[in-house]
Protein backbone atom coordinates (compact mmCIF):
# COMPACT_ATOMS: atom_id res chain seq x y z
CA UNK A 1 119.71 118.39 113.73
CA UNK A 2 121.36 120.56 116.37
CA UNK A 3 122.41 117.46 118.29
CA UNK A 4 124.01 116.07 115.14
CA UNK A 5 126.01 119.28 114.66
CA UNK A 6 127.17 119.12 118.29
CA UNK A 7 128.34 115.54 117.76
CA UNK A 8 130.30 116.52 114.66
CA UNK A 9 131.93 119.45 116.44
CA UNK A 10 132.85 117.25 119.41
CA UNK A 11 134.46 114.74 117.07
CA UNK A 12 136.47 117.48 115.33
CA UNK A 13 137.65 118.97 118.61
CA UNK A 14 138.55 115.60 120.14
CA UNK A 15 140.83 114.84 117.18
CA UNK A 16 142.44 118.29 117.06
CA UNK A 17 146.14 118.77 117.71
CA UNK A 18 147.63 122.19 118.43
CA UNK A 19 150.85 122.72 116.48
CA UNK A 20 153.15 125.73 116.35
CA UNK A 21 155.20 126.77 113.32
CA UNK A 22 158.00 129.29 113.09
CA UNK A 23 157.95 132.15 110.59
CA UNK A 24 158.87 130.83 107.15
CA UNK A 25 157.95 127.19 107.89
CA UNK A 26 156.20 125.33 105.06
CA UNK A 27 152.93 123.82 106.33
CA UNK A 28 151.75 122.14 103.13
CA UNK A 29 152.56 122.30 99.43
CA UNK A 30 150.43 123.07 96.41
CA UNK A 31 149.43 119.80 94.72
CA UNK A 32 150.09 117.56 97.73
CA UNK A 33 147.36 115.17 98.88
CA UNK A 34 145.48 116.83 101.71
CA UNK A 35 144.57 114.85 104.81
CA UNK A 36 144.24 117.64 107.37
CA UNK A 37 142.22 120.75 108.10
CA UNK A 38 144.22 123.64 109.58
CA UNK A 39 142.67 126.44 111.64
CA UNK A 40 144.73 129.55 112.39
CA UNK A 41 144.45 130.20 116.14
CA UNK A 42 147.01 133.01 116.36
CA UNK A 43 149.46 134.80 114.10
CA UNK A 44 149.20 134.69 110.31
CA UNK A 45 149.71 132.16 107.52
CA UNK A 46 150.51 133.31 104.00
CA UNK A 47 149.24 131.31 101.03
CA UNK A 48 151.35 131.26 97.88
CA UNK A 49 150.53 129.86 94.45
CA UNK A 50 153.42 128.49 92.43
CA UNK A 51 153.31 129.32 88.73
CA UNK A 52 154.53 126.50 86.47
CA UNK A 53 156.04 128.91 83.97
CA UNK A 54 157.76 131.07 86.61
CA UNK A 55 159.47 129.54 89.58
CA UNK A 56 159.71 132.20 92.27
CA UNK A 57 161.18 131.52 95.72
CA UNK A 58 157.72 131.52 97.32
CA UNK A 59 155.37 131.88 94.35
CA UNK A 60 152.68 134.55 94.19
CA UNK A 61 150.98 135.63 97.43
CA UNK A 62 147.24 134.91 97.09
CA UNK A 63 146.05 135.25 100.71
CA UNK A 64 147.12 136.08 104.25
CA UNK A 65 145.14 134.05 106.77
CA UNK A 66 144.42 135.33 110.27
CA UNK A 67 142.95 133.80 113.44
CA UNK A 68 139.67 132.04 112.65
CA UNK A 69 140.62 131.36 109.02
CA UNK A 70 141.17 127.79 107.85
CA UNK A 71 142.69 125.86 104.96
CA UNK A 72 143.39 122.28 103.93
CA UNK A 73 141.14 119.30 103.34
C-alpha cells in the first residue's frame, strides 16, 4: 500500500505547475466546474462566498488559506 501511495504522489507532483497570482486576482469562481487542485505554497488566498440575495464586491469572507492549505477539485 505504501508503494501505491508513492506512485500517486509522484503522479501528482509530475503534473504540478507552479503559478503566481497578484493580490486581488481571481483564481476560481463559486459555481464554476472544477478541474484543478490548488495548493498554497506561499502567501495567502482568501475564500469568499457570494450570496444570491446580496451582491457584495467580493462576497462574504469564509476562509483565509495559508501555505499548506488547498482548495479546488
